[in-house]
Amino acid sequence: MGDAAAVSELPPPTKSPSLFAQIVVHPDGTITRPVVPDAPPSATGPAVSRDMPLDASLGTSLRIYLPNPVPPSPSKLPVILYFHGGGYVVFSTGSVPYHASCEAMAAVVPSIVVALDYRLAPEHRLPAAYDDAVAAVLWLRDAADADPWIAAHGDLSRCFVMGSSSGGNMAFNAGVRTKHLELSPVVLQGLVLHQPYLGGVERTPSEEKSGDDAVLPLEANDNLWSLALPVGADRDHEFSNPAKAMAPEAVSGLPRCLVTESNGDPLIDRQKQFVEWLQEHGVDVVAKTDCSGFHAAELFVPEKAEELFAAVREFVFAGDVEP
C-alpha cells in the first residue's frame, strides 16, 4: 500500500497572492504563466511512471503510473484516466503537485493511472481540452491493450475517468461525449469529479465570499474563465454552467458519478447545484459533500489526500473484494 503523506513538495497556500492571480495577461491577449516546478517520470517511489505521446501533432501526451511494487492480487488493476486541474490555463502532468498526487493515488487505490497532458488556454480555448480528453478515452480503446504495463497489470473492463477542478469538468464532458460510443474492450465504469470547476454569471454565496480566497480568489476565477471559454462566451456557457445551458438529454446514459466537494471551496454552491441537476436527470451520483478543506487541498494536505483516495477506492471497488 502506498503512502499519501508526501503528496506534494510545495507548501500549503497562504494569504500571499494565489498562483492563479499571478497569471499576467498582456494587451495582445497572450499570457505569462507563473513558474511551477516540474517533475520527470519516476523510476522509484510508490509508483513508477513513464511518458508517451498521444498526438504529437497537437503536443499532447500521457504519463502512465504503475504501483511499485504491483500489489499481489488474483485480479488486475483498475485503470483511471486522470485530468489535472489549473483552470485550463496552467499546470501539466509533470507539475510537482499533480505528479505526486497521481503517484500516490496509483499506489494507494491501487490502480494504473493514465494522466493526460492536454492543450491549455488561451492558446487553445475550450473545447480543445475536451477534444484531448476524448482522444485519451479513445486511446484506451484503441491502443492501451498494447501498452506493456496495461497489458500485464490493467483491467480495461474496469476503467474510470477522473479529474480535479477543471479536470473534473473535463471528465464530465468526456463522459457526455463518449457515452454512446463503442469503447470495447474498455468498459467505462464511472466518472470521478473532484471539486469540478464550474461557473455562472450570477454569483453564488460561496463565490461572493471568495474575494480573498487563498487558492481561487474571485477575480482570478473570472480571469480563468475569460481565458478558457470561447471568444465572446460568458460564464453561462454550457462549458462552465452545464446545469443552466446543457440540454438534459446530454447526461442521459452517463455512468455513475462520484462528486467530491469541500466546504471551504468557493465553488461548493455551484457543485451542489450540479449534483442536484445530475440527479434530477437520472444520473446515479455518489456525492461526498461533507468534507472540510479548501480547493485543491489534496495537493498540499496529506490528510485530505488520504480522504480523497479513500473515496476513490471505495467508488472504484464498490461491489468488489478489494485487493
C-alpha atoms as a PDB file:
ATOM      1  CA  MET A   1       0.000   0.000   0.000  1.00  0.00           C
ATOM      2  CA  GLY A   2       1.321   3.438  -0.854  1.00  0.00           C
ATOM      3  CA  ASP A   3       1.692   6.453   1.376  1.00  0.00           C
ATOM      4  CA  ALA A   4      -0.209   9.686   0.726  1.00  0.00           C
ATOM      5  CA  ALA A   5       1.952  11.618   3.186  1.00  0.00           C
ATOM      6  CA  ALA A   6       4.235  13.080   0.514  1.00  0.00           C
ATOM      7  CA  VAL A   7       1.648  14.258  -1.965  1.00  0.00           C
ATOM      8  CA  SER A   8       3.494  17.460  -2.796  1.00  0.00           C
ATOM      9  CA  GLU A   9       6.790  19.209  -2.341  1.00  0.00           C
ATOM     10  CA  LEU A  10       5.032  22.587  -2.259  1.00  0.00           C
ATOM     11  CA  PRO A  11       3.761  24.217   0.946  1.00  0.00           C
ATOM     12  CA  PRO A  12       0.037  24.783   1.501  1.00  0.00           C
ATOM     13  CA  PRO A  13      -1.283  28.037   0.051  1.00  0.00           C
ATOM     14  CA  THR A  14      -1.229  31.102   2.283  1.00  0.00           C
ATOM     15  CA  LYS A  15      -2.672  34.578   2.044  1.00  0.00           C
ATOM     16  CA  SER A  16       0.118  35.501  -0.379  1.00  0.00           C
ATOM     17  CA  PRO A  17      -1.105  36.006  -3.957  1.00  0.00           C
ATOM     18  CA  SER A  18      -2.822  32.937  -5.375  1.00  0.00           C
ATOM     19  CA  LEU A  19      -0.889  31.221  -8.124  1.00  0.00           C
ATOM     20  CA  PHE A  20      -3.851  31.896 -10.420  1.00  0.00           C
ATOM     21  CA  ALA A  21      -3.657  35.587  -9.541  1.00  0.00           C
ATOM     22  CA  GLN A  22      -0.065  35.584 -10.779  1.00  0.00           C
ATOM     23  CA  ILE A  23      -1.113  34.918 -14.391  1.00  0.00           C
ATOM     24  CA  VAL A  24      -0.230  38.031 -16.407  1.00  0.00           C
ATOM     25  CA  VAL A  25      -2.489  38.848 -19.356  1.00  0.00           C
ATOM     26  CA  HIS A  26      -0.764  41.053 -21.951  1.00  0.00           C
ATOM     27  CA  PRO A  27      -2.540  43.602 -24.186  1.00  0.00           C
ATOM     28  CA  ASP A  28      -2.264  41.295 -27.201  1.00  0.00           C
ATOM     29  CA  GLY A  29      -4.113  38.508 -25.337  1.00  0.00           C
ATOM     30  CA  THR A  30      -1.056  36.352 -24.687  1.00  0.00           C
ATOM     31  CA  ILE A  31      -0.214  35.421 -21.116  1.00  0.00           C
ATOM     32  CA  THR A  32       2.756  34.785 -18.882  1.00  0.00           C
ATOM     33  CA  ARG A  33       2.224  31.854 -16.553  1.00  0.00           C
ATOM     34  CA  PRO A  34       3.740  31.570 -13.070  1.00  0.00           C
ATOM     35  CA  VAL A  35       6.583  29.082 -12.860  1.00  0.00           C
ATOM     36  CA  VAL A  36       5.577  25.755 -11.306  1.00  0.00           C
ATOM     37  CA  PRO A  37       8.219  23.095 -10.551  1.00  0.00           C
ATOM     38  CA  ASP A  38       8.142  20.177 -12.964  1.00  0.00           C
ATOM     39  CA  ALA A  39       8.942  16.545 -12.153  1.00  0.00           C
ATOM     40  CA  PRO A  40      10.235  13.930 -14.597  1.00  0.00           C
ATOM     41  CA  PRO A  41       8.745  10.433 -14.679  1.00  0.00           C
ATOM     42  CA  SER A  42       9.696   8.348 -11.645  1.00  0.00           C
ATOM     43  CA  ALA A  43      11.881   5.241 -11.720  1.00  0.00           C
ATOM     44  CA  THR A  44      11.458   4.653  -7.977  1.00  0.00           C
ATOM     45  CA  GLY A  45       8.986   5.537  -5.238  1.00  0.00           C
ATOM     46  CA  PRO A  46       5.387   4.478  -4.517  1.00  0.00           C
ATOM     47  CA  ALA A  47       4.713   4.292  -8.253  1.00  0.00           C
ATOM     48  CA  VAL A  48       6.910   4.223 -11.329  1.00  0.00           C
ATOM     49  CA  SER A  49       5.893   6.303 -14.319  1.00  0.00           C
ATOM     50  CA  ARG A  50       6.759   6.991 -17.934  1.00  0.00           C
ATOM     51  CA  ASP A  51       5.639   9.369 -20.670  1.00  0.00           C
ATOM     52  CA  MET A  52       4.353   8.582 -24.122  1.00  0.00           C
ATOM     53  CA  PRO A  53       2.912  10.741 -26.914  1.00  0.00           C
ATOM     54  CA  LEU A  54      -0.821  10.847 -27.508  1.00  0.00           C
ATOM     55  CA  ASP A  55      -0.983  13.163 -30.538  1.00  0.00           C
ATOM     56  CA  ALA A  56       2.437  14.518 -31.465  1.00  0.00           C
ATOM     57  CA  SER A  57       0.901  16.994 -33.908  1.00  0.00           C
ATOM     58  CA  LEU A  58      -1.010  18.620 -31.027  1.00  0.00           C
ATOM     59  CA  GLY A  59       1.685  18.233 -28.401  1.00  0.00           C
ATOM     60  CA  THR A  60      -0.498  16.044 -26.165  1.00  0.00           C
ATOM     61  CA  SER A  61       0.909  13.170 -24.177  1.00  0.00           C
ATOM     62  CA  LEU A  62       0.198  10.650 -21.430  1.00  0.00           C
ATOM     63  CA  ARG A  63       2.048   9.870 -18.214  1.00  0.00           C
ATOM     64  CA  ILE A  64       1.326   6.336 -17.013  1.00  0.00           C
ATOM     65  CA  TYR A  65       1.726   5.376 -13.346  1.00  0.00           C
ATOM     66  CA  LEU A  66       2.138   1.804 -12.085  1.00  0.00           C
ATOM     67  CA  PRO A  67       2.191   0.935  -8.357  1.00  0.00           C
ATOM     68  CA  ASN A  68       5.660  -0.010  -7.141  1.00  0.00           C
ATOM     69  CA  PRO A  69       5.584  -2.833  -6.346  1.00  0.00           C
ATOM     70  CA  VAL A  70       2.454  -4.058  -8.114  1.00  0.00           C
ATOM     71  CA  PRO A  71       0.297  -5.471  -5.303  1.00  0.00           C
ATOM     72  CA  PRO A  72      -0.175  -9.250  -5.344  1.00  0.00           C
ATOM     73  CA  SER A  73      -3.753  -9.963  -6.373  1.00  0.00           C
ATOM     74  CA  PRO A  74      -5.581 -12.580  -8.437  1.00  0.00           C
ATOM     75  CA  SER A  75      -7.229  -9.748 -10.402  1.00  0.00           C
ATOM     76  CA  LYS A  76      -5.695  -6.999 -12.482  1.00  0.00           C
ATOM     77  CA  LEU A  77      -5.749  -3.333 -11.511  1.00  0.00           C
ATOM     78  CA  PRO A  78      -8.467  -0.855 -12.482  1.00  0.00           C
ATOM     79  CA  VAL A  79      -7.381   1.882 -14.885  1.00  0.00           C
ATOM     80  CA  ILE A  80      -8.023   5.540 -14.012  1.00  0.00           C
ATOM     81  CA  LEU A  81      -7.723   8.121 -16.781  1.00  0.00           C
ATOM     82  CA  TYR A  82      -6.895  11.359 -14.958  1.00  0.00           C
ATOM     83  CA  PHE A  83      -7.122  15.031 -15.959  1.00  0.00           C
ATOM     84  CA  HIS A  84      -5.246  17.605 -13.858  1.00  0.00           C
ATOM     85  CA  GLY A  85      -6.652  20.950 -12.762  1.00  0.00           C
ATOM     86  CA  GLY A  86      -5.436  24.500 -13.343  1.00  0.00           C
ATOM     87  CA  GLY A  87      -8.418  26.351 -14.780  1.00  0.00           C
ATOM     88  CA  TYR A  88      -7.461  25.058 -18.252  1.00  0.00           C
ATOM     89  CA  VAL A  89      -4.639  27.610 -18.195  1.00  0.00           C
ATOM     90  CA  VAL A  90      -1.790  26.292 -16.019  1.00  0.00           C
ATOM     91  CA  PHE A  91      -0.131  23.028 -14.922  1.00  0.00           C
ATOM     92  CA  SER A  92       0.778  19.837 -16.732  1.00  0.00           C
ATOM     93  CA  THR A  93       1.134  16.162 -15.902  1.00  0.00           C
ATOM     94  CA  GLY A  94       4.673  16.915 -14.737  1.00  0.00           C
ATOM     95  CA  SER A  95       3.708  19.746 -12.374  1.00  0.00           C
ATOM     96  CA  VAL A  96       5.021  18.604  -8.988  1.00  0.00           C
ATOM     97  CA  PRO A  97       1.708  18.704  -7.084  1.00  0.00           C
ATOM     98  CA  TYR A  98      -0.167  16.677  -9.695  1.00  0.00           C
ATOM     99  CA  HIS A  99       2.684  14.268 -10.392  1.00  0.00           C
ATOM    100  CA  ALA A 100       2.987  13.499  -6.688  1.00  0.00           C
ATOM    101  CA  SER A 101      -0.779  13.140  -6.333  1.00  0.00           C
ATOM    102  CA  CYS A 102      -1.074  10.709  -9.257  1.00  0.00           C
ATOM    103  CA  GLU A 103       1.896   8.749  -7.955  1.00  0.00           C
ATOM    104  CA  ALA A 104       0.312   8.413  -4.526  1.00  0.00           C
ATOM    105  CA  MET A 105      -3.145   7.611  -5.932  1.00  0.00           C
ATOM    106  CA  ALA A 106      -1.781   4.806  -8.114  1.00  0.00           C
ATOM    107  CA  ALA A 107      -0.176   3.234  -5.047  1.00  0.00           C
ATOM    108  CA  VAL A 108      -2.990   3.822  -2.551  1.00  0.00           C
ATOM    109  CA  VAL A 109      -6.104   2.904  -4.542  1.00  0.00           C
ATOM    110  CA  PRO A 110      -4.292   0.822  -6.081  1.00  0.00           C
ATOM    111  CA  SER A 111      -4.672   1.371  -9.811  1.00  0.00           C
ATOM    112  CA  ILE A 112      -2.929   2.192 -13.028  1.00  0.00           C
ATOM    113  CA  VAL A 113      -3.282   5.946 -13.513  1.00  0.00           C
ATOM    114  CA  VAL A 114      -3.055   7.412 -17.011  1.00  0.00           C
ATOM    115  CA  ALA A 115      -2.640  11.205 -16.752  1.00  0.00           C
ATOM    116  CA  LEU A 116      -3.308  13.393 -19.779  1.00  0.00           C
ATOM    117  CA  ASP A 117      -1.115  16.359 -20.696  1.00  0.00           C
ATOM    118  CA  TYR A 118      -3.668  18.395 -22.652  1.00  0.00           C
ATOM    119  CA  ARG A 119      -3.617  21.686 -24.546  1.00  0.00           C
ATOM    120  CA  LEU A 120      -4.023  24.815 -22.438  1.00  0.00           C
ATOM    121  CA  ALA A 121      -5.913  28.060 -22.917  1.00  0.00           C
ATOM    122  CA  PRO A 122      -5.814  30.764 -24.092  1.00  0.00           C
ATOM    123  CA  GLU A 123      -3.615  29.378 -26.869  1.00  0.00           C
ATOM    124  CA  HIS A 124      -6.185  26.582 -27.198  1.00  0.00           C
ATOM    125  CA  ARG A 125      -9.549  27.633 -25.820  1.00  0.00           C
ATOM    126  CA  LEU A 126     -12.321  25.196 -24.971  1.00  0.00           C
ATOM    127  CA  PRO A 127     -13.352  22.794 -26.375  1.00  0.00           C
ATOM    128  CA  ALA A 128      -9.700  21.892 -27.134  1.00  0.00           C
ATOM    129  CA  ALA A 129      -9.192  20.315 -23.705  1.00  0.00           C
ATOM    130  CA  TYR A 130     -12.423  18.328 -24.124  1.00  0.00           C
ATOM    131  CA  ASP A 131     -11.250  17.109 -27.530  1.00  0.00           C
ATOM    132  CA  ASP A 132      -7.981  15.956 -25.959  1.00  0.00           C
ATOM    133  CA  ALA A 133      -9.900  14.200 -23.173  1.00  0.00           C
ATOM    134  CA  VAL A 134     -11.973  12.277 -25.724  1.00  0.00           C
ATOM    135  CA  ALA A 135      -8.781  11.383 -27.607  1.00  0.00           C
ATOM    136  CA  ALA A 136      -7.384   9.924 -24.387  1.00  0.00           C
ATOM    137  CA  VAL A 137     -10.520   7.804 -23.883  1.00  0.00           C
ATOM    138  CA  LEU A 138     -10.179   6.574 -27.467  1.00  0.00           C
ATOM    139  CA  TRP A 139      -6.500   5.755 -26.803  1.00  0.00           C
ATOM    140  CA  LEU A 140      -7.678   3.472 -24.004  1.00  0.00           C
ATOM    141  CA  ARG A 141      -9.995   1.790 -26.504  1.00  0.00           C
ATOM    142  CA  ASP A 142      -7.629   1.567 -29.461  1.00  0.00           C
ATOM    143  CA  ALA A 143      -4.106   1.293 -28.101  1.00  0.00           C
ATOM    144  CA  ALA A 144      -3.993   0.706 -24.359  1.00  0.00           C
ATOM    145  CA  ASP A 145      -4.072  -3.081 -24.602  1.00  0.00           C
ATOM    146  CA  ALA A 146      -0.732  -2.867 -26.448  1.00  0.00           C
ATOM    147  CA  ASP A 147       0.859  -0.884 -23.628  1.00  0.00           C
ATOM    148  CA  PRO A 148       3.097  -3.287 -21.670  1.00  0.00           C
ATOM    149  CA  TRP A 149       2.047  -2.087 -18.208  1.00  0.00           C
ATOM    150  CA  ILE A 150      -1.660  -2.119 -19.002  1.00  0.00           C
ATOM    151  CA  ALA A 151      -1.427  -5.442 -20.851  1.00  0.00           C
ATOM    152  CA  ALA A 152       0.319  -7.080 -17.902  1.00  0.00           C
ATOM    153  CA  HIS A 153      -1.460  -5.418 -14.995  1.00  0.00           C
ATOM    154  CA  GLY A 154      -4.523  -3.411 -16.126  1.00  0.00           C
ATOM    155  CA  ASP A 155      -8.172  -4.395 -16.409  1.00  0.00           C
ATOM    156  CA  LEU A 156      -9.755  -2.363 -19.216  1.00  0.00           C
ATOM    157  CA  SER A 157     -13.178  -3.649 -18.193  1.00  0.00           C
ATOM    158  CA  ARG A 158     -12.765  -1.511 -15.050  1.00  0.00           C
ATOM    159  CA  CYS A 159     -11.934   1.951 -16.391  1.00  0.00           C
ATOM    160  CA  PHE A 160     -12.760   5.225 -14.692  1.00  0.00           C
ATOM    161  CA  VAL A 161     -12.396   8.795 -15.937  1.00  0.00           C
ATOM    162  CA  MET A 162     -11.356  11.204 -13.192  1.00  0.00           C
ATOM    163  CA  GLY A 163     -10.400  14.832 -12.950  1.00  0.00           C
ATOM    164  CA  SER A 164      -9.723  17.517 -10.375  1.00  0.00           C
ATOM    165  CA  SER A 165     -11.129  21.060 -10.671  1.00  0.00           C
ATOM    166  CA  SER A 166     -11.048  21.920 -14.398  1.00  0.00           C
ATOM    167  CA  GLY A 167     -10.063  18.281 -14.899  1.00  0.00           C
ATOM    168  CA  GLY A 168     -13.313  17.304 -13.159  1.00  0.00           C
ATOM    169  CA  ASN A 169     -15.214  19.418 -15.660  1.00  0.00           C
ATOM    170  CA  MET A 170     -13.243  17.674 -18.421  1.00  0.00           C
ATOM    171  CA  ALA A 171     -14.067  14.231 -17.029  1.00  0.00           C
ATOM    172  CA  PHE A 172     -17.765  15.123 -17.056  1.00  0.00           C
ATOM    173  CA  ASN A 173     -17.592  16.339 -20.652  1.00  0.00           C
ATOM    174  CA  ALA A 174     -15.564  13.295 -21.707  1.00  0.00           C
ATOM    175  CA  GLY A 175     -18.349  11.151 -20.278  1.00  0.00           C
ATOM    176  CA  VAL A 176     -21.005  13.134 -22.140  1.00  0.00           C
ATOM    177  CA  ARG A 177     -19.094  12.937 -25.428  1.00  0.00           C
ATOM    178  CA  THR A 178     -18.250   9.226 -25.296  1.00  0.00           C
ATOM    179  CA  LYS A 179     -21.324   7.674 -23.644  1.00  0.00           C
ATOM    180  CA  HIS A 180     -22.809   6.470 -26.925  1.00  0.00           C
ATOM    181  CA  LEU A 181     -19.530   5.320 -28.496  1.00  0.00           C
ATOM    182  CA  GLU A 182     -18.491   1.699 -28.794  1.00  0.00           C
ATOM    183  CA  LEU A 183     -15.498   1.551 -26.462  1.00  0.00           C
ATOM    184  CA  SER A 184     -14.793  -2.190 -26.242  1.00  0.00           C
ATOM    185  CA  PRO A 185     -12.552  -3.555 -24.725  1.00  0.00           C
ATOM    186  CA  VAL A 186     -12.920  -0.558 -22.421  1.00  0.00           C
ATOM    187  CA  VAL A 187     -15.854  -0.566 -20.038  1.00  0.00           C
ATOM    188  CA  LEU A 188     -16.272   2.869 -18.501  1.00  0.00           C
ATOM    189  CA  GLN A 189     -17.498   2.065 -15.005  1.00  0.00           C
ATOM    190  CA  GLY A 190     -17.730   5.580 -13.642  1.00  0.00           C
ATOM    191  CA  LEU A 191     -16.686   9.214 -13.548  1.00  0.00           C
ATOM    192  CA  VAL A 192     -14.839  10.756 -10.594  1.00  0.00           C
ATOM    193  CA  LEU A 193     -15.407  14.507 -10.481  1.00  0.00           C
ATOM    194  CA  HIS A 194     -13.281  16.020  -7.725  1.00  0.00           C
ATOM    195  CA  GLN A 195     -14.214  19.628  -6.955  1.00  0.00           C
ATOM    196  CA  PRO A 196     -15.373  20.151 -10.564  1.00  0.00           C
ATOM    197  CA  TYR A 197     -14.636  23.617 -11.917  1.00  0.00           C
ATOM    198  CA  LEU A 198     -17.957  25.281 -12.747  1.00  0.00           C
ATOM    199  CA  GLY A 199     -19.088  28.856 -13.223  1.00  0.00           C
ATOM    200  CA  GLY A 200     -22.009  31.140 -13.939  1.00  0.00           C
ATOM    201  CA  VAL A 201     -22.840  34.793 -14.434  1.00  0.00           C
ATOM    202  CA  GLU A 202     -24.947  35.111 -11.278  1.00  0.00           C
ATOM    203  CA  ARG A 203     -22.782  34.773  -8.178  1.00  0.00           C
ATOM    204  CA  THR A 204     -23.430  32.062  -5.629  1.00  0.00           C
ATOM    205  CA  PRO A 205     -22.997  32.885  -1.923  1.00  0.00           C
ATOM    206  CA  SER A 206     -19.755  30.893  -1.739  1.00  0.00           C
ATOM    207  CA  GLU A 207     -18.377  32.776  -4.748  1.00  0.00           C
ATOM    208  CA  GLU A 208     -19.365  36.136  -3.271  1.00  0.00           C
ATOM    209  CA  LYS A 209     -17.299  35.345  -0.171  1.00  0.00           C
ATOM    210  CA  SER A 210     -14.208  34.291  -2.147  1.00  0.00           C
ATOM    211  CA  GLY A 211     -12.610  37.661  -2.879  1.00  0.00           C
ATOM    212  CA  ASP A 212      -9.502  36.832  -0.857  1.00  0.00           C
ATOM    213  CA  ASP A 213      -9.565  33.048  -1.136  1.00  0.00           C
ATOM    214  CA  ALA A 214      -6.021  31.687  -0.871  1.00  0.00           C
ATOM    215  CA  VAL A 215      -6.375  29.384  -3.884  1.00  0.00           C
ATOM    216  CA  LEU A 216      -9.202  30.628  -6.108  1.00  0.00           C
ATOM    217  CA  PRO A 217      -9.988  34.298  -5.422  1.00  0.00           C
ATOM    218  CA  LEU A 218     -12.954  35.646  -7.332  1.00  0.00           C
ATOM    219  CA  GLU A 219     -11.050  37.944  -9.686  1.00  0.00           C
ATOM    220  CA  ALA A 220      -8.631  35.165 -10.661  1.00  0.00           C
ATOM    221  CA  ASN A 221     -11.559  32.777 -11.101  1.00  0.00           C
ATOM    222  CA  ASP A 222     -13.247  35.187 -13.518  1.00  0.00           C
ATOM    223  CA  ASN A 223      -9.960  35.658 -15.355  1.00  0.00           C
ATOM    224  CA  LEU A 224      -9.504  31.920 -15.839  1.00  0.00           C
ATOM    225  CA  TRP A 225     -12.928  31.615 -17.435  1.00  0.00           C
ATOM    226  CA  SER A 226     -12.261  34.620 -19.688  1.00  0.00           C
ATOM    227  CA  LEU A 227      -9.099  32.897 -20.918  1.00  0.00           C
ATOM    228  CA  ALA A 228     -10.639  29.433 -21.329  1.00  0.00           C
ATOM    229  CA  LEU A 229     -14.123  29.948 -22.770  1.00  0.00           C
ATOM    230  CA  PRO A 230     -14.695  30.512 -26.488  1.00  0.00           C
ATOM    231  CA  VAL A 231     -14.224  34.135 -27.502  1.00  0.00           C
ATOM    232  CA  GLY A 232     -17.423  36.053 -26.802  1.00  0.00           C
ATOM    233  CA  ALA A 233     -18.910  33.448 -24.441  1.00  0.00           C
ATOM    234  CA  ASP A 234     -19.899  34.287 -20.877  1.00  0.00           C
ATOM    235  CA  ARG A 235     -19.872  32.063 -17.802  1.00  0.00           C
ATOM    236  CA  ASP A 236     -23.390  30.773 -18.530  1.00  0.00           C
ATOM    237  CA  HIS A 237     -21.995  28.836 -21.498  1.00  0.00           C
ATOM    238  CA  GLU A 238     -22.578  25.079 -21.213  1.00  0.00           C
ATOM    239  CA  PHE A 239     -18.824  24.531 -20.783  1.00  0.00           C
ATOM    240  CA  SER A 240     -18.907  26.409 -17.476  1.00  0.00           C
ATOM    241  CA  ASN A 241     -22.561  26.198 -16.419  1.00  0.00           C
ATOM    242  CA  PRO A 242     -23.937  22.903 -17.748  1.00  0.00           C
ATOM    243  CA  ALA A 243     -26.809  22.860 -15.249  1.00  0.00           C
ATOM    244  CA  LYS A 244     -28.163  26.026 -16.880  1.00  0.00           C
ATOM    245  CA  ALA A 245     -27.120  25.691 -20.521  1.00  0.00           C
ATOM    246  CA  MET A 246     -26.692  21.993 -21.355  1.00  0.00           C
ATOM    247  CA  ALA A 247     -29.651  20.006 -22.683  1.00  0.00           C
ATOM    248  CA  PRO A 248     -30.786  17.461 -20.065  1.00  0.00           C
ATOM    249  CA  GLU A 249     -30.672  14.631 -22.594  1.00  0.00           C
ATOM    250  CA  ALA A 250     -26.902  15.171 -22.811  1.00  0.00           C
ATOM    251  CA  VAL A 251     -26.484  13.470 -19.420  1.00  0.00           C
ATOM    252  CA  SER A 252     -28.896  10.616 -20.102  1.00  0.00           C
ATOM    253  CA  GLY A 253     -26.939   7.382 -20.036  1.00  0.00           C
ATOM    254  CA  LEU A 254     -23.927   8.709 -18.147  1.00  0.00           C
ATOM    255  CA  PRO A 255     -22.170   6.136 -15.976  1.00  0.00           C
ATOM    256  CA  ARG A 256     -22.383   6.546 -12.222  1.00  0.00           C
ATOM    257  CA  CYS A 257     -20.529   9.548 -10.851  1.00  0.00           C
ATOM    258  CA  LEU A 258     -18.600  10.274  -7.685  1.00  0.00           C
ATOM    259  CA  VAL A 259     -18.606  14.015  -6.947  1.00  0.00           C
ATOM    260  CA  THR A 260     -16.361  15.160  -4.098  1.00  0.00           C
ATOM    261  CA  GLU A 261     -16.567  18.642  -2.613  1.00  0.00           C
ATOM    262  CA  SER A 262     -15.054  20.674   0.236  1.00  0.00           C
ATOM    263  CA  ASN A 263     -16.884  23.188   2.404  1.00  0.00           C
ATOM    264  CA  GLY A 264     -14.167  25.827   2.027  1.00  0.00           C
ATOM    265  CA  ASP A 265     -14.162  25.721  -1.767  1.00  0.00           C
ATOM    266  CA  PRO A 266     -15.565  28.854  -3.456  1.00  0.00           C
ATOM    267  CA  LEU A 267     -17.207  26.516  -5.966  1.00  0.00           C
ATOM    268  CA  ILE A 268     -19.118  24.370  -3.468  1.00  0.00           C
ATOM    269  CA  ASP A 269     -22.522  26.006  -4.003  1.00  0.00           C
ATOM    270  CA  ARG A 270     -22.250  25.532  -7.735  1.00  0.00           C
ATOM    271  CA  GLN A 271     -21.071  21.928  -7.280  1.00  0.00           C
ATOM    272  CA  LYS A 272     -24.118  21.174  -5.126  1.00  0.00           C
ATOM    273  CA  GLN A 273     -26.381  22.639  -7.819  1.00  0.00           C
ATOM    274  CA  PHE A 274     -24.587  20.466 -10.379  1.00  0.00           C
ATOM    275  CA  VAL A 275     -25.150  17.315  -8.304  1.00  0.00           C
ATOM    276  CA  GLU A 276     -28.854  18.133  -7.937  1.00  0.00           C
ATOM    277  CA  TRP A 277     -29.126  18.686 -11.694  1.00  0.00           C
ATOM    278  CA  LEU A 278     -27.471  15.368 -12.463  1.00  0.00           C
ATOM    279  CA  GLN A 279     -29.721  13.514 -10.032  1.00  0.00           C
ATOM    280  CA  GLU A 280     -32.846  15.224 -11.367  1.00  0.00           C
ATOM    281  CA  HIS A 281     -31.990  13.830 -14.798  1.00  0.00           C
ATOM    282  CA  GLY A 282     -31.424  10.261 -13.709  1.00  0.00           C
ATOM    283  CA  VAL A 283     -27.662  10.091 -13.171  1.00  0.00           C
ATOM    284  CA  ASP A 284     -26.526   7.795 -10.347  1.00  0.00           C
ATOM    285  CA  VAL A 285     -24.439  10.146  -8.191  1.00  0.00           C
ATOM    286  CA  VAL A 286     -22.411   9.397  -5.090  1.00  0.00           C
ATOM    287  CA  ALA A 287     -21.923  12.839  -3.542  1.00  0.00           C
ATOM    288  CA  LYS A 288     -19.299  13.472  -0.862  1.00  0.00           C
ATOM    289  CA  THR A 289     -20.392  16.939   0.238  1.00  0.00           C
ATOM    290  CA  ASP A 290     -19.396  16.961   3.896  1.00  0.00           C
ATOM    291  CA  CYS A 291     -15.619  17.260   3.517  1.00  0.00           C
ATOM    292  CA  SER A 292     -13.731  20.090   5.177  1.00  0.00           C
ATOM    293  CA  GLY A 293     -10.908  21.882   3.412  1.00  0.00           C
ATOM    294  CA  PHE A 294     -10.209  24.234   0.526  1.00  0.00           C
ATOM    295  CA  HIS A 295      -9.950  23.998  -3.239  1.00  0.00           C
ATOM    296  CA  ALA A 296      -7.190  21.518  -4.235  1.00  0.00           C
ATOM    297  CA  ALA A 297      -6.396  20.748  -0.579  1.00  0.00           C
ATOM    298  CA  GLU A 298      -5.444  17.177  -1.514  1.00  0.00           C
ATOM    299  CA  LEU A 299      -2.339  18.514  -3.276  1.00  0.00           C
ATOM    300  CA  PHE A 300      -0.966  20.046  -0.079  1.00  0.00           C
ATOM    301  CA  VAL A 301      -2.515  18.345   2.965  1.00  0.00           C
ATOM    302  CA  PRO A 302      -1.785  14.605   3.406  1.00  0.00           C
ATOM    303  CA  GLU A 303      -4.995  14.007   5.377  1.00  0.00           C
ATOM    304  CA  LYS A 304      -7.056  15.493   2.543  1.00  0.00           C
ATOM    305  CA  ALA A 305      -5.209  13.304   0.017  1.00  0.00           C
ATOM    306  CA  GLU A 306      -5.944  10.232   2.120  1.00  0.00           C
ATOM    307  CA  GLU A 307      -9.619  11.251   2.346  1.00  0.00           C
ATOM    308  CA  LEU A 308      -9.880  11.647  -1.435  1.00  0.00           C
ATOM    309  CA  PHE A 309      -8.065   8.409  -2.207  1.00  0.00           C
ATOM    310  CA  ALA A 310     -10.277   6.519   0.251  1.00  0.00           C
ATOM    311  CA  ALA A 311     -13.389   7.856  -1.502  1.00  0.00           C
ATOM    312  CA  VAL A 312     -11.955   6.923  -4.902  1.00  0.00           C
ATOM    313  CA  ARG A 313     -11.009   3.464  -3.659  1.00  0.00           C
ATOM    314  CA  GLU A 314     -14.499   2.863  -2.254  1.00  0.00           C
ATOM    315  CA  PHE A 315     -16.085   4.003  -5.518  1.00  0.00           C
ATOM    316  CA  VAL A 316     -13.744   2.020  -7.765  1.00  0.00           C
ATOM    317  CA  PHE A 317     -14.055  -1.201  -5.804  1.00  0.00           C
ATOM    318  CA  ALA A 318     -17.769  -0.936  -4.998  1.00  0.00           C
ATOM    319  CA  GLY A 319     -19.117  -4.475  -5.103  1.00  0.00           C
ATOM    320  CA  ASP A 320     -15.644  -5.986  -5.446  1.00  0.00           C
ATOM    321  CA  VAL A 321     -13.417  -7.693  -2.951  1.00  0.00           C
ATOM    322  CA  GLU A 322     -10.695  -5.090  -2.537  1.00  0.00           C
ATOM    323  CA  PRO A 323      -7.077  -6.139  -3.035  1.00  0.00           C
END
